PDB file of all heavy atoms in Angstrom:
ATOM      1  N   ARG A   1      -2.235  15.691  -9.759  1.00  0.00           N
ATOM      2  CA  ARG A   1      -3.439  15.214 -10.452  1.00  0.00           C
ATOM      3  C   ARG A   1      -4.329  14.351  -9.527  1.00  0.00           C
ATOM      4  O   ARG A   1      -5.518  14.329  -9.640  1.00  0.00           O
ATOM      5  CB  ARG A   1      -3.040  14.451 -11.781  1.00  0.00           C
ATOM      6  CG  ARG A   1      -2.276  13.183 -11.465  1.00  0.00           C
ATOM      7  CD  ARG A   1      -1.816  12.530 -12.817  1.00  0.00           C
ATOM      8  NE  ARG A   1      -0.999  11.314 -12.593  1.00  0.00           N
ATOM      9  CZ  ARG A   1      -1.515  10.163 -12.216  1.00  0.00           C
ATOM     10  NH1 ARG A   1      -2.840   9.987 -12.129  1.00  0.00           N
ATOM     11  NH2 ARG A   1      -0.746   9.108 -12.034  1.00  0.00           N
ATOM     12  N   LEU A   2      -3.661  13.586  -8.645  1.00  0.00           N
ATOM     13  CA  LEU A   2      -4.455  12.774  -7.661  1.00  0.00           C
ATOM     14  C   LEU A   2      -4.868  13.609  -6.472  1.00  0.00           C
ATOM     15  O   LEU A   2      -6.007  13.457  -5.930  1.00  0.00           O
ATOM     16  CB  LEU A   2      -3.562  11.604  -7.254  1.00  0.00           C
ATOM     17  CG  LEU A   2      -3.184  10.531  -8.282  1.00  0.00           C
ATOM     18  CD1 LEU A   2      -2.389   9.474  -7.737  1.00  0.00           C
ATOM     19  CD2 LEU A   2      -4.435   9.977  -8.974  1.00  0.00           C
ATOM     20  N   ALA A   3      -4.015  14.490  -6.008  1.00  0.00           N
ATOM     21  CA  ALA A   3      -4.319  15.315  -4.897  1.00  0.00           C
ATOM     22  C   ALA A   3      -5.505  16.245  -5.121  1.00  0.00           C
ATOM     23  O   ALA A   3      -6.059  16.794  -4.160  1.00  0.00           O
ATOM     24  CB  ALA A   3      -3.045  16.029  -4.391  1.00  0.00           C
ATOM     25  N   ARG A   4      -5.764  16.546  -6.306  1.00  0.00           N
ATOM     26  CA  ARG A   4      -6.890  17.408  -6.654  1.00  0.00           C
ATOM     27  C   ARG A   4      -8.233  16.729  -6.591  1.00  0.00           C
ATOM     28  O   ARG A   4      -9.310  17.334  -6.720  1.00  0.00           O
ATOM     29  CB  ARG A   4      -6.701  18.041  -8.060  1.00  0.00           C
ATOM     30  CG  ARG A   4      -5.688  19.130  -8.043  1.00  0.00           C
ATOM     31  CD  ARG A   4      -5.685  19.910  -9.441  1.00  0.00           C
ATOM     32  NE  ARG A   4      -4.735  20.966  -9.459  1.00  0.00           N
ATOM     33  CZ  ARG A   4      -4.947  22.200  -8.964  1.00  0.00           C
ATOM     34  NH1 ARG A   4      -6.137  22.436  -8.467  1.00  0.00           N
ATOM     35  NH2 ARG A   4      -4.070  23.104  -9.034  1.00  0.00           N
ATOM     36  N   THR A   5      -8.203  15.406  -6.268  1.00  0.00           N
ATOM     37  CA  THR A   5      -9.429  14.638  -6.072  1.00  0.00           C
ATOM     38  C   THR A   5     -10.174  15.231  -4.865  1.00  0.00           C
ATOM     39  O   THR A   5      -9.583  15.553  -3.875  1.00  0.00           O
ATOM     40  CB  THR A   5      -9.165  13.214  -5.863  1.00  0.00           C
ATOM     41  OG1 THR A   5      -8.406  12.643  -6.977  1.00  0.00           O
ATOM     42  CG2 THR A   5     -10.417  12.375  -5.663  1.00  0.00           C
ATOM     43  N   ASP A   6     -11.498  15.302  -4.990  1.00  0.00           N
ATOM     44  CA  ASP A   6     -12.353  15.740  -3.849  1.00  0.00           C
ATOM     45  C   ASP A   6     -11.980  14.974  -2.614  1.00  0.00           C
ATOM     46  O   ASP A   6     -11.830  13.706  -2.600  1.00  0.00           O
ATOM     47  CB  ASP A   6     -13.822  15.570  -4.124  1.00  0.00           C
ATOM     48  CG  ASP A   6     -14.800  16.092  -3.067  1.00  0.00           C
ATOM     49  OD1 ASP A   6     -14.614  15.637  -1.937  1.00  0.00           O
ATOM     50  OD2 ASP A   6     -15.593  16.968  -3.442  1.00  0.00           O
ATOM     51  N   PRO A   7     -11.627  15.635  -1.428  1.00  0.00           N
ATOM     52  CA  PRO A   7     -11.241  14.975  -0.231  1.00  0.00           C
ATOM     53  C   PRO A   7     -12.270  13.915   0.312  1.00  0.00           C
ATOM     54  O   PRO A   7     -11.898  12.969   0.968  1.00  0.00           O
ATOM     55  CB  PRO A   7     -11.076  16.094   0.810  1.00  0.00           C
ATOM     56  CG  PRO A   7     -10.922  17.299  -0.004  1.00  0.00           C
ATOM     57  CD  PRO A   7     -11.733  17.156  -1.244  1.00  0.00           C
ATOM     58  N   PHE A   8     -13.544  14.054  -0.183  1.00  0.00           N
ATOM     59  CA  PHE A   8     -14.563  13.110   0.290  1.00  0.00           C
ATOM     60  C   PHE A   8     -14.872  12.023  -0.788  1.00  0.00           C
ATOM     61  O   PHE A   8     -15.815  11.294  -0.664  1.00  0.00           O
ATOM     62  CB  PHE A   8     -15.800  13.889   0.651  1.00  0.00           C
ATOM     63  CG  PHE A   8     -15.638  14.739   1.810  1.00  0.00           C
ATOM     64  CD1 PHE A   8     -15.129  16.040   1.693  1.00  0.00           C
ATOM     65  CD2 PHE A   8     -15.869  14.272   3.135  1.00  0.00           C
ATOM     66  CE1 PHE A   8     -14.979  16.862   2.818  1.00  0.00           C
ATOM     67  CE2 PHE A   8     -15.597  15.077   4.279  1.00  0.00           C
ATOM     68  CZ  PHE A   8     -15.253  16.429   4.087  1.00  0.00           C
ATOM     69  N   THR A   9     -13.978  11.964  -1.770  1.00  0.00           N
ATOM     70  CA  THR A   9     -13.978  10.902  -2.830  1.00  0.00           C
ATOM     71  C   THR A   9     -12.708  10.126  -2.703  1.00  0.00           C
ATOM     72  O   THR A   9     -11.644  10.693  -2.658  1.00  0.00           O
ATOM     73  CB  THR A   9     -14.182  11.488  -4.224  1.00  0.00           C
ATOM     74  OG1 THR A   9     -15.366  12.333  -4.275  1.00  0.00           O
ATOM     75  CG2 THR A   9     -14.145  10.364  -5.291  1.00  0.00           C
ATOM     76  N   GLN A  10     -12.769   8.852  -2.758  1.00  0.00           N
ATOM     77  CA  GLN A  10     -11.582   7.989  -2.554  1.00  0.00           C
ATOM     78  C   GLN A  10     -10.681   8.044  -3.717  1.00  0.00           C
ATOM     79  O   GLN A  10     -11.114   7.937  -4.929  1.00  0.00           O
ATOM     80  CB  GLN A  10     -11.982   6.563  -2.344  1.00  0.00           C
ATOM     81  CG  GLN A  10     -12.698   6.306  -0.982  1.00  0.00           C
ATOM     82  CD  GLN A  10     -12.897   4.845  -0.746  1.00  0.00           C
ATOM     83  OE1 GLN A  10     -12.016   4.033  -0.892  1.00  0.00           O
ATOM     84  NE2 GLN A  10     -14.136   4.483  -0.358  1.00  0.00           N
ATOM     85  N   VAL A  11      -9.371   8.183  -3.556  1.00  0.00           N
ATOM     86  CA  VAL A  11      -8.313   7.994  -4.524  1.00  0.00           C
ATOM     87  C   VAL A  11      -8.044   6.530  -4.572  1.00  0.00           C
ATOM     88  O   VAL A  11      -7.723   5.864  -3.501  1.00  0.00           O
ATOM     89  CB  VAL A  11      -7.045   8.800  -4.166  1.00  0.00           C
ATOM     90  CG1 VAL A  11      -5.896   8.390  -5.081  1.00  0.00           C
ATOM     91  CG2 VAL A  11      -7.353  10.324  -4.353  1.00  0.00           C
ATOM     92  N   THR A  12      -8.045   5.861  -5.735  1.00  0.00           N
ATOM     93  CA  THR A  12      -7.797   4.486  -5.826  1.00  0.00           C
ATOM     94  C   THR A  12      -6.519   4.212  -6.568  1.00  0.00           C
ATOM     95  O   THR A  12      -5.993   3.055  -6.451  1.00  0.00           O
ATOM     96  CB  THR A  12      -8.998   3.710  -6.503  1.00  0.00           C
ATOM     97  OG1 THR A  12      -9.194   4.330  -7.753  1.00  0.00           O
ATOM     98  CG2 THR A  12     -10.231   3.841  -5.671  1.00  0.00           C
ATOM     99  N   GLU A  13      -5.991   5.138  -7.309  1.00  0.00           N
ATOM    100  CA  GLU A  13      -4.719   4.940  -8.025  1.00  0.00           C
ATOM    101  C   GLU A  13      -3.649   5.318  -7.068  1.00  0.00           C
ATOM    102  O   GLU A  13      -3.570   6.505  -6.605  1.00  0.00           O
ATOM    103  CB  GLU A  13      -4.611   5.839  -9.288  1.00  0.00           C
ATOM    104  CG  GLU A  13      -3.343   5.659 -10.013  1.00  0.00           C
ATOM    105  CD  GLU A  13      -3.172   6.610 -11.218  1.00  0.00           C
ATOM    106  OE1 GLU A  13      -4.161   7.362 -11.528  1.00  0.00           O
ATOM    107  OE2 GLU A  13      -2.092   6.597 -11.805  1.00  0.00           O
ATOM    108  N   MET A  14      -2.756   4.426  -6.746  1.00  0.00           N
ATOM    109  CA  MET A  14      -1.739   4.586  -5.701  1.00  0.00           C
ATOM    110  C   MET A  14      -0.387   4.934  -6.420  1.00  0.00           C
ATOM    111  O   MET A  14       0.325   4.054  -6.787  1.00  0.00           O
ATOM    112  CB  MET A  14      -1.564   3.332  -4.843  1.00  0.00           C
ATOM    113  CG  MET A  14      -2.787   3.057  -4.022  1.00  0.00           C
ATOM    114  SD  MET A  14      -2.984   4.208  -2.607  1.00  0.00           S
ATOM    115  CE  MET A  14      -4.272   5.264  -3.299  1.00  0.00           C
ATOM    116  N   VAL A  15      -0.078   6.219  -6.404  1.00  0.00           N
ATOM    117  CA  VAL A  15       1.191   6.673  -6.961  1.00  0.00           C
ATOM    118  C   VAL A  15       1.779   7.607  -5.887  1.00  0.00           C
ATOM    119  O   VAL A  15       1.286   8.739  -5.607  1.00  0.00           O
ATOM    120  CB  VAL A  15       1.090   7.461  -8.245  1.00  0.00           C
ATOM    121  CG1 VAL A  15       2.540   7.996  -8.678  1.00  0.00           C
ATOM    122  CG2 VAL A  15       0.483   6.584  -9.296  1.00  0.00           C
ATOM    123  N   GLY A  16       2.834   7.148  -5.233  1.00  0.00           N
ATOM    124  CA  GLY A  16       3.491   7.989  -4.199  1.00  0.00           C
ATOM    125  C   GLY A  16       4.934   8.135  -4.449  1.00  0.00           C
ATOM    126  O   GLY A  16       5.418   7.824  -5.588  1.00  0.00           O
ATOM    127  N   SER A  17       5.700   8.623  -3.499  1.00  0.00           N
ATOM    128  CA  SER A  17       7.155   8.744  -3.640  1.00  0.00           C
ATOM    129  C   SER A  17       7.869   7.970  -2.522  1.00  0.00           C
ATOM    130  O   SER A  17       9.041   8.177  -2.280  1.00  0.00           O
ATOM    131  CB  SER A  17       7.572  10.193  -3.674  1.00  0.00           C
ATOM    132  OG  SER A  17       7.209  10.807  -2.432  1.00  0.00           O
ATOM    133  N   GLY A  18       7.088   7.138  -1.772  1.00  0.00           N
ATOM    134  CA  GLY A  18       7.624   6.414  -0.622  1.00  0.00           C
ATOM    135  C   GLY A  18       8.520   5.289  -1.033  1.00  0.00           C
ATOM    136  O   GLY A  18       8.755   4.973  -2.231  1.00  0.00           O
ATOM    137  N   PRO A  19       9.087   4.558  -0.027  1.00  0.00           N
ATOM    138  CA  PRO A  19      10.074   3.536  -0.364  1.00  0.00           C
ATOM    139  C   PRO A  19       9.531   2.211  -1.000  1.00  0.00           C
ATOM    140  O   PRO A  19      10.312   1.420  -1.470  1.00  0.00           O
ATOM    141  CB  PRO A  19      10.657   3.198   1.038  1.00  0.00           C
ATOM    142  CG  PRO A  19       9.592   3.605   2.056  1.00  0.00           C
ATOM    143  CD  PRO A  19       8.870   4.777   1.388  1.00  0.00           C
ATOM    144  N   PHE A  20       8.183   2.088  -1.073  1.00  0.00           N
ATOM    145  CA  PHE A  20       7.600   0.979  -1.736  1.00  0.00           C
ATOM    146  C   PHE A  20       6.535   1.351  -2.751  1.00  0.00           C
ATOM    147  O   PHE A  20       5.899   2.381  -2.567  1.00  0.00           O
ATOM    148  CB  PHE A  20       6.903   0.025  -0.668  1.00  0.00           C
ATOM    149  CG  PHE A  20       7.881  -0.675   0.219  1.00  0.00           C
ATOM    150  CD1 PHE A  20       8.153  -0.136   1.448  1.00  0.00           C
ATOM    151  CD2 PHE A  20       8.462  -1.951  -0.132  1.00  0.00           C
ATOM    152  CE1 PHE A  20       9.094  -0.796   2.349  1.00  0.00           C
ATOM    153  CE2 PHE A  20       9.316  -2.545   0.732  1.00  0.00           C
ATOM    154  CZ  PHE A  20       9.633  -2.028   1.926  1.00  0.00           C
ATOM    155  N   ARG A  21       6.426   0.600  -3.810  1.00  0.00           N
ATOM    156  CA  ARG A  21       5.401   0.707  -4.742  1.00  0.00           C
ATOM    157  C   ARG A  21       4.218  -0.210  -4.492  1.00  0.00           C
ATOM    158  O   ARG A  21       4.466  -1.396  -4.168  1.00  0.00           O
ATOM    159  CB  ARG A  21       5.919   0.487  -6.262  1.00  0.00           C
ATOM    160  CG  ARG A  21       6.934   1.439  -6.756  1.00  0.00           C
ATOM    161  CD  ARG A  21       7.303   1.066  -8.199  1.00  0.00           C
ATOM    162  NE  ARG A  21       7.951  -0.234  -8.343  1.00  0.00           N
ATOM    163  CZ  ARG A  21       7.384  -1.313  -8.755  1.00  0.00           C
ATOM    164  NH1 ARG A  21       6.095  -1.334  -9.158  1.00  0.00           N
ATOM    165  NH2 ARG A  21       8.079  -2.416  -8.816  1.00  0.00           N
ATOM    166  N   PHE A  22       3.056   0.210  -4.653  1.00  0.00           N
ATOM    167  CA  PHE A  22       1.866  -0.615  -4.556  1.00  0.00           C
ATOM    168  C   PHE A  22       1.664  -1.307  -5.847  1.00  0.00           C
ATOM    169  O   PHE A  22       1.538  -0.739  -6.944  1.00  0.00           O
ATOM    170  CB  PHE A  22       0.596   0.249  -4.211  1.00  0.00           C
ATOM    171  CG  PHE A  22      -0.692  -0.495  -4.237  1.00  0.00           C
ATOM    172  CD1 PHE A  22      -0.955  -1.435  -3.145  1.00  0.00           C
ATOM    173  CD2 PHE A  22      -1.615  -0.373  -5.272  1.00  0.00           C
ATOM    174  CE1 PHE A  22      -2.158  -2.068  -3.147  1.00  0.00           C
ATOM    175  CE2 PHE A  22      -2.824  -0.981  -5.160  1.00  0.00           C
ATOM    176  CZ  PHE A  22      -3.083  -1.851  -4.171  1.00  0.00           C
ATOM    177  N   VAL A  23       1.613  -2.687  -5.811  1.00  0.00           N
ATOM    178  CA  VAL A  23       1.458  -3.526  -7.016  1.00  0.00           C
ATOM    179  C   VAL A  23      -0.037  -3.821  -7.167  1.00  0.00           C
ATOM    180  O   VAL A  23      -0.511  -4.852  -6.694  1.00  0.00           O
ATOM    181  CB  VAL A  23       2.337  -4.760  -6.931  1.00  0.00           C
ATOM    182  CG1 VAL A  23       2.260  -5.503  -8.281  1.00  0.00           C
ATOM    183  CG2 VAL A  23       3.805  -4.477  -6.665  1.00  0.00           C
ATOM    184  N   ALA A  24      -0.697  -2.918  -7.890  1.00  0.00           N
ATOM    185  CA  ALA A  24      -2.198  -3.028  -8.032  1.00  0.00           C
ATOM    186  C   ALA A  24      -2.568  -4.355  -8.700  1.00  0.00           C
ATOM    187  O   ALA A  24      -3.614  -5.010  -8.367  1.00  0.00           O
ATOM    188  CB  ALA A  24      -2.720  -1.914  -8.751  1.00  0.00           C
ATOM    189  N   SER A  25      -1.829  -4.814  -9.672  1.00  0.00           N
ATOM    190  CA  SER A  25      -2.170  -5.999 -10.427  1.00  0.00           C
ATOM    191  C   SER A  25      -2.181  -7.288  -9.599  1.00  0.00           C
ATOM    192  O   SER A  25      -2.830  -8.274 -10.000  1.00  0.00           O
ATOM    193  CB  SER A  25      -1.215  -6.198 -11.627  1.00  0.00           C
ATOM    194  OG  SER A  25       0.116  -6.384 -11.157  1.00  0.00           O
ATOM    195  N   GLU A  26      -1.535  -7.268  -8.423  1.00  0.00           N
ATOM    196  CA  GLU A  26      -1.458  -8.511  -7.626  1.00  0.00           C
ATOM    197  C   GLU A  26      -2.352  -8.337  -6.360  1.00  0.00           C
ATOM    198  O   GLU A  26      -2.348  -9.271  -5.538  1.00  0.00           O
ATOM    199  CB  GLU A  26      -0.041  -8.752  -7.229  1.00  0.00           C
ATOM    200  CG  GLU A  26       0.889  -9.057  -8.383  1.00  0.00           C
ATOM    201  CD  GLU A  26       2.241  -9.684  -7.906  1.00  0.00           C
ATOM    202  OE1 GLU A  26       2.198 -10.619  -7.076  1.00  0.00           O
ATOM    203  OE2 GLU A  26       3.249  -9.200  -8.334  1.00  0.00           O
ATOM    204  N   ARG A  27      -3.132  -7.367  -6.253  1.00  0.00           N
ATOM    205  CA  ARG A  27      -4.018  -7.177  -5.092  1.00  0.00           C
ATOM    206  C   ARG A  27      -5.252  -8.194  -5.316  1.00  0.00           C
ATOM    207  O   ARG A  27      -5.860  -8.233  -6.364  1.00  0.00           O
ATOM    208  CB  ARG A  27      -4.536  -5.765  -4.951  1.00  0.00           C
ATOM    209  CG  ARG A  27      -5.393  -5.583  -3.751  1.00  0.00           C
ATOM    210  CD  ARG A  27      -6.100  -4.205  -3.779  1.00  0.00           C
ATOM    211  NE  ARG A  27      -6.857  -3.970  -2.636  1.00  0.00           N
ATOM    212  CZ  ARG A  27      -7.780  -3.026  -2.510  1.00  0.00           C
ATOM    213  NH1 ARG A  27      -7.985  -2.163  -3.535  1.00  0.00           N
ATOM    214  NH2 ARG A  27      -8.515  -2.839  -1.382  1.00  0.00           N
ATOM    215  N   VAL A  28      -5.512  -8.915  -4.239  1.00  0.00           N
ATOM    216  CA  VAL A  28      -6.660  -9.781  -4.237  1.00  0.00           C
ATOM    217  C   VAL A  28      -7.458  -9.344  -3.015  1.00  0.00           C
ATOM    218  O   VAL A  28      -7.037  -9.620  -1.850  1.00  0.00           O
ATOM    219  CB  VAL A  28      -6.310 -11.337  -4.135  1.00  0.00           C
ATOM    220  CG1 VAL A  28      -7.581 -12.148  -4.109  1.00  0.00           C
ATOM    221  CG2 VAL A  28      -5.438 -11.642  -5.299  1.00  0.00           C
ATOM    222  N   ALA A  29      -8.620  -8.750  -3.248  1.00  0.00           N
ATOM    223  CA  ALA A  29      -9.408  -8.205  -2.135  1.00  0.00           C
ATOM    224  C   ALA A  29      -9.743  -9.334  -1.124  1.00  0.00           C
ATOM    225  O   ALA A  29     -10.163 -10.461  -1.445  1.00  0.00           O
ATOM    226  CB  ALA A  29     -10.702  -7.590  -2.621  1.00  0.00           C
ATOM    227  N   GLY A  30      -9.485  -8.998   0.140  1.00  0.00           N
ATOM    228  CA  GLY A  30      -9.780  -9.984   1.195  1.00  0.00           C
ATOM    229  C   GLY A  30      -8.657 -11.068   1.371  1.00  0.00           C
ATOM    230  O   GLY A  30      -8.776 -11.925   2.229  1.00  0.00           O
ATOM    231  N   SER A  31      -7.615 -11.007   0.568  1.00  0.00           N
ATOM    232  CA  SER A  31      -6.624 -12.075   0.603  1.00  0.00           C
ATOM    233  C   SER A  31      -5.177 -11.569   0.617  1.00  0.00           C
ATOM    234  O   SER A  31      -4.379 -11.968   1.427  1.00  0.00           O
ATOM    235  CB  SER A  31      -6.888 -12.988  -0.566  1.00  0.00           C
ATOM    236  OG  SER A  31      -5.863 -13.992  -0.615  1.00  0.00           O
ATOM    237  N   ARG A  32      -4.843 -10.683  -0.375  1.00  0.00           N
ATOM    238  CA  ARG A  32      -3.420 -10.373  -0.583  1.00  0.00           C
ATOM    239  C   ARG A  32      -3.216  -8.962  -1.011  1.00  0.00           C
ATOM    240  O   ARG A  32      -3.984  -8.447  -1.879  1.00  0.00           O
ATOM    241  CB  ARG A  32      -2.743 -11.381  -1.559  1.00  0.00           C
ATOM    242  CG  ARG A  32      -1.289 -11.176  -1.727  1.00  0.00           C
ATOM    243  CD  ARG A  32      -0.730 -12.135  -2.728  1.00  0.00           C
ATOM    244  NE  ARG A  32      -1.220 -11.760  -4.109  1.00  0.00           N
ATOM    245  CZ  ARG A  32      -1.284 -12.639  -5.091  1.00  0.00           C
ATOM    246  NH1 ARG A  32      -1.022 -13.969  -4.921  1.00  0.00           N
ATOM    247  NH2 ARG A  32      -1.728 -12.185  -6.267  1.00  0.00           N
ATOM    248  N   VAL A  33      -2.141  -8.337  -0.523  1.00  0.00           N
ATOM    249  CA  VAL A  33      -1.738  -7.000  -0.981  1.00  0.00           C
ATOM    250  C   VAL A  33      -0.196  -7.127  -1.205  1.00  0.00           C
ATOM    251  O   VAL A  33       0.494  -7.681  -0.349  1.00  0.00           O
ATOM    252  CB  VAL A  33      -2.041  -5.842   0.032  1.00  0.00           C
ATOM    253  CG1 VAL A  33      -1.692  -4.565  -0.566  1.00  0.00           C
ATOM    254  CG2 VAL A  33      -3.486  -5.905   0.370  1.00  0.00           C
ATOM    255  N   VAL A  34       0.249  -6.530  -2.248  1.00  0.00           N
ATOM    256  CA  VAL A  34       1.670  -6.744  -2.639  1.00  0.00           C
ATOM    257  C   VAL A  34       2.367  -5.372  -2.843  1.00  0.00           C
ATOM    258  O   VAL A  34       1.790  -4.442  -3.405  1.00  0.00           O
ATOM    259  CB  VAL A  34       1.885  -7.526  -3.840  1.00  0.00           C
ATOM    260  CG1 VAL A  34       3.351  -7.656  -4.215  1.00  0.00           C
ATOM    261  CG2 VAL A  34       1.342  -8.961  -3.628  1.00  0.00           C
ATOM    262  N   TYR A  35       3.639  -5.194  -2.326  1.00  0.00           N
ATOM    263  CA  TYR A  35       4.373  -3.985  -2.517  1.00  0.00           C
ATOM    264  C   TYR A  35       5.770  -4.429  -3.029  1.00  0.00           C
ATOM    265  O   TYR A  35       6.298  -5.405  -2.662  1.00  0.00           O
ATOM    266  CB  TYR A  35       4.596  -3.260  -1.163  1.00  0.00           C
ATOM    267  CG  TYR A  35       3.297  -2.895  -0.533  1.00  0.00           C
ATOM    268  CD1 TYR A  35       2.621  -3.790   0.383  1.00  0.00           C
ATOM    269  CD2 TYR A  35       2.668  -1.678  -0.778  1.00  0.00           C
ATOM    270  CE1 TYR A  35       1.395  -3.454   0.981  1.00  0.00           C
ATOM    271  CE2 TYR A  35       1.437  -1.392  -0.196  1.00  0.00           C
ATOM    272  CZ  TYR A  35       0.774  -2.349   0.669  1.00  0.00           C
ATOM    273  OH  TYR A  35      -0.439  -1.997   1.297  1.00  0.00           O
ATOM    274  N   ALA A  36       6.348  -3.568  -3.832  1.00  0.00           N
ATOM    275  CA  ALA A  36       7.705  -3.784  -4.406  1.00  0.00           C
ATOM    276  C   ALA A  36       8.595  -2.639  -4.034  1.00  0.00           C
ATOM    277  O   ALA A  36       8.042  -1.469  -3.910  1.00  0.00           O
ATOM    278  CB  ALA A  36       7.641  -3.963  -5.879  1.00  0.00           C
ATOM    279  N   ARG A  37       9.846  -2.831  -3.885  1.00  0.00           N
ATOM    280  CA  ARG A  37      10.829  -1.800  -3.554  1.00  0.00           C
ATOM    281  C   ARG A  37      10.704  -0.706  -4.650  1.00  0.00           C
ATOM    282  O   ARG A  37      10.706  -1.010  -5.850  1.00  0.00           O
ATOM    283  CB  ARG A  37      12.230  -2.360  -3.418  1.00  0.00           C
ATOM    284  CG  ARG A  37      13.295  -1.298  -3.101  1.00  0.00           C
ATOM    285  CD  ARG A  37      14.685  -1.777  -3.620  1.00  0.00           C
ATOM    286  NE  ARG A  37      15.069  -3.069  -3.063  1.00  0.00           N
ATOM    287  CZ  ARG A  37      15.926  -3.171  -2.003  1.00  0.00           C
ATOM    288  NH1 ARG A  37      16.437  -2.108  -1.513  1.00  0.00           N
ATOM    289  NH2 ARG A  37      16.256  -4.322  -1.589  1.00  0.00           N
ATOM    290  N   HIS A  38      10.714   0.576  -4.226  1.00  0.00           N
ATOM    291  CA  HIS A  38      10.797   1.697  -5.129  1.00  0.00           C
ATOM    292  C   HIS A  38      12.222   1.941  -5.423  1.00  0.00           C
ATOM    293  O   HIS A  38      12.958   2.531  -4.621  1.00  0.00           O
ATOM    294  CB  HIS A  38      10.164   2.957  -4.456  1.00  0.00           C
ATOM    295  CG  HIS A  38      10.224   4.192  -5.403  1.00  0.00           C
ATOM    296  ND1 HIS A  38      10.069   5.421  -4.841  1.00  0.00           N
ATOM    297  CD2 HIS A  38      10.500   4.353  -6.688  1.00  0.00           C
ATOM    298  CE1 HIS A  38      10.181   6.327  -5.755  1.00  0.00           C
ATOM    299  NE2 HIS A  38      10.468   5.683  -6.899  1.00  0.00           N
ATOM    300  N   GLU A  39      12.714   1.460  -6.585  1.00  0.00           N
ATOM    301  CA  GLU A  39      14.121   1.487  -6.901  1.00  0.00           C
ATOM    302  C   GLU A  39      14.701   2.905  -6.948  1.00  0.00           C
ATOM    303  O   GLU A  39      15.876   3.072  -6.734  1.00  0.00           O
ATOM    304  CB  GLU A  39      14.393   0.781  -8.237  1.00  0.00           C
ATOM    305  CG  GLU A  39      13.998  -0.714  -8.291  1.00  0.00           C
ATOM    306  CD  GLU A  39      14.874  -1.548  -7.423  1.00  0.00           C
ATOM    307  OE1 GLU A  39      15.883  -1.005  -6.962  1.00  0.00           O
ATOM    308  OE2 GLU A  39      14.597  -2.715  -7.173  1.00  0.00           O
TER     309      GLU A  39
END
């Protein structure tokens, strides 16, 4: 559902299968980005 996004349009919802999860609620632009272990 995300990969069908036009390649020249940004995907902003970060759902992957990698070892860390992107914690969108704790992102502060220009200041902080947070990741949690993908259990």
